[in-house]
Amino acid sequence: MIKIHKFAAKVQTAGAAASAGAAAIVAAIGKSGRANIVLATGASQFEMIEALIGHEEIDWSRVTAFHLDEYIGMPQTHPASFRRYLQERFVSRLPTLGAFHFIRGDAADVEEELQRIGGLLDKHPIDVMFAGIGENGHLAFNDPPADFTSTVAYKVVDLDERCRRQQFGEGWFATLEEVPLRAISMTVQRIMASKAVILTVPDERKAEAVRGVVEGPVTNACPASILQQHDNCQLFLDGPAASRLTR
């Protein structure tokens, strides 16, 4: 069951999501001395990440972080690089952060990179997963019809046209043709293995996907709908994103 929190404005939504995530991080550190987290990227996460790094009660030196996905062949210098996004918005602003393990999308050997980053994640069970929902209902870059069965940590995925149009529409690329066709993504099963999932989903353009995730059946045609089966998933919406919910 997904627990829904709705706020009028995007900044309130982001602040509440960050507070819930911070509490989960502090609890994990209190229980085991460390916390392992995963961060999403994209326009939906701007305000949430900004709010999260402001939580001074978190001992960041005890936190190890990963991210959900990265485009294949994408250098860190590219404006759309998720490594660049997180380095600028998160890592560089937390000088005491324990560790951040980036996906090297431009690795010469993609299979070797899958083994490297997957092996690291295998050693760090996820305490808190920060994620969003795509306009097509995707979870990370697991586009419809998503693979719900793979148990590896990361895999290569194909990006569908609606996903690629979202990336272009958010301004990360000058043309649709520049948006890569493939990416490395954390798998659905590994996301589901997280102890807590914090979803931050603002904006009206996500409203139809939100309705499918919350009110529709669990189906790989709307990948994030599988979170209905997670024991501890909280969804933070602003008014426009929640506008098509019927119950």
Foldseek 3Di string as FASTA:
>chain_A
DAAEDEAADLLVLLLVLLVVQQVLQLVVCVVPVAAEEEAEDDPLNQNNLVNNVVPPVHQQLRYEYEYFKFAAQDDLPALLTPVVVCVVSPVVSCVNHNYYDYQGNDDPDNVVSLCVVQVVCVVHQHAEYEWEADLQLDTWQQAPLGDPDDDGQKDKDFHDLSRLVVCVVSPSDPDSVPRGGMMIGGHLVSVLRHNAYRYRYEDLSNQVLVQCLPPNDPGSSNPNVCCVVRPHYYYRYYCNNPVPHDD
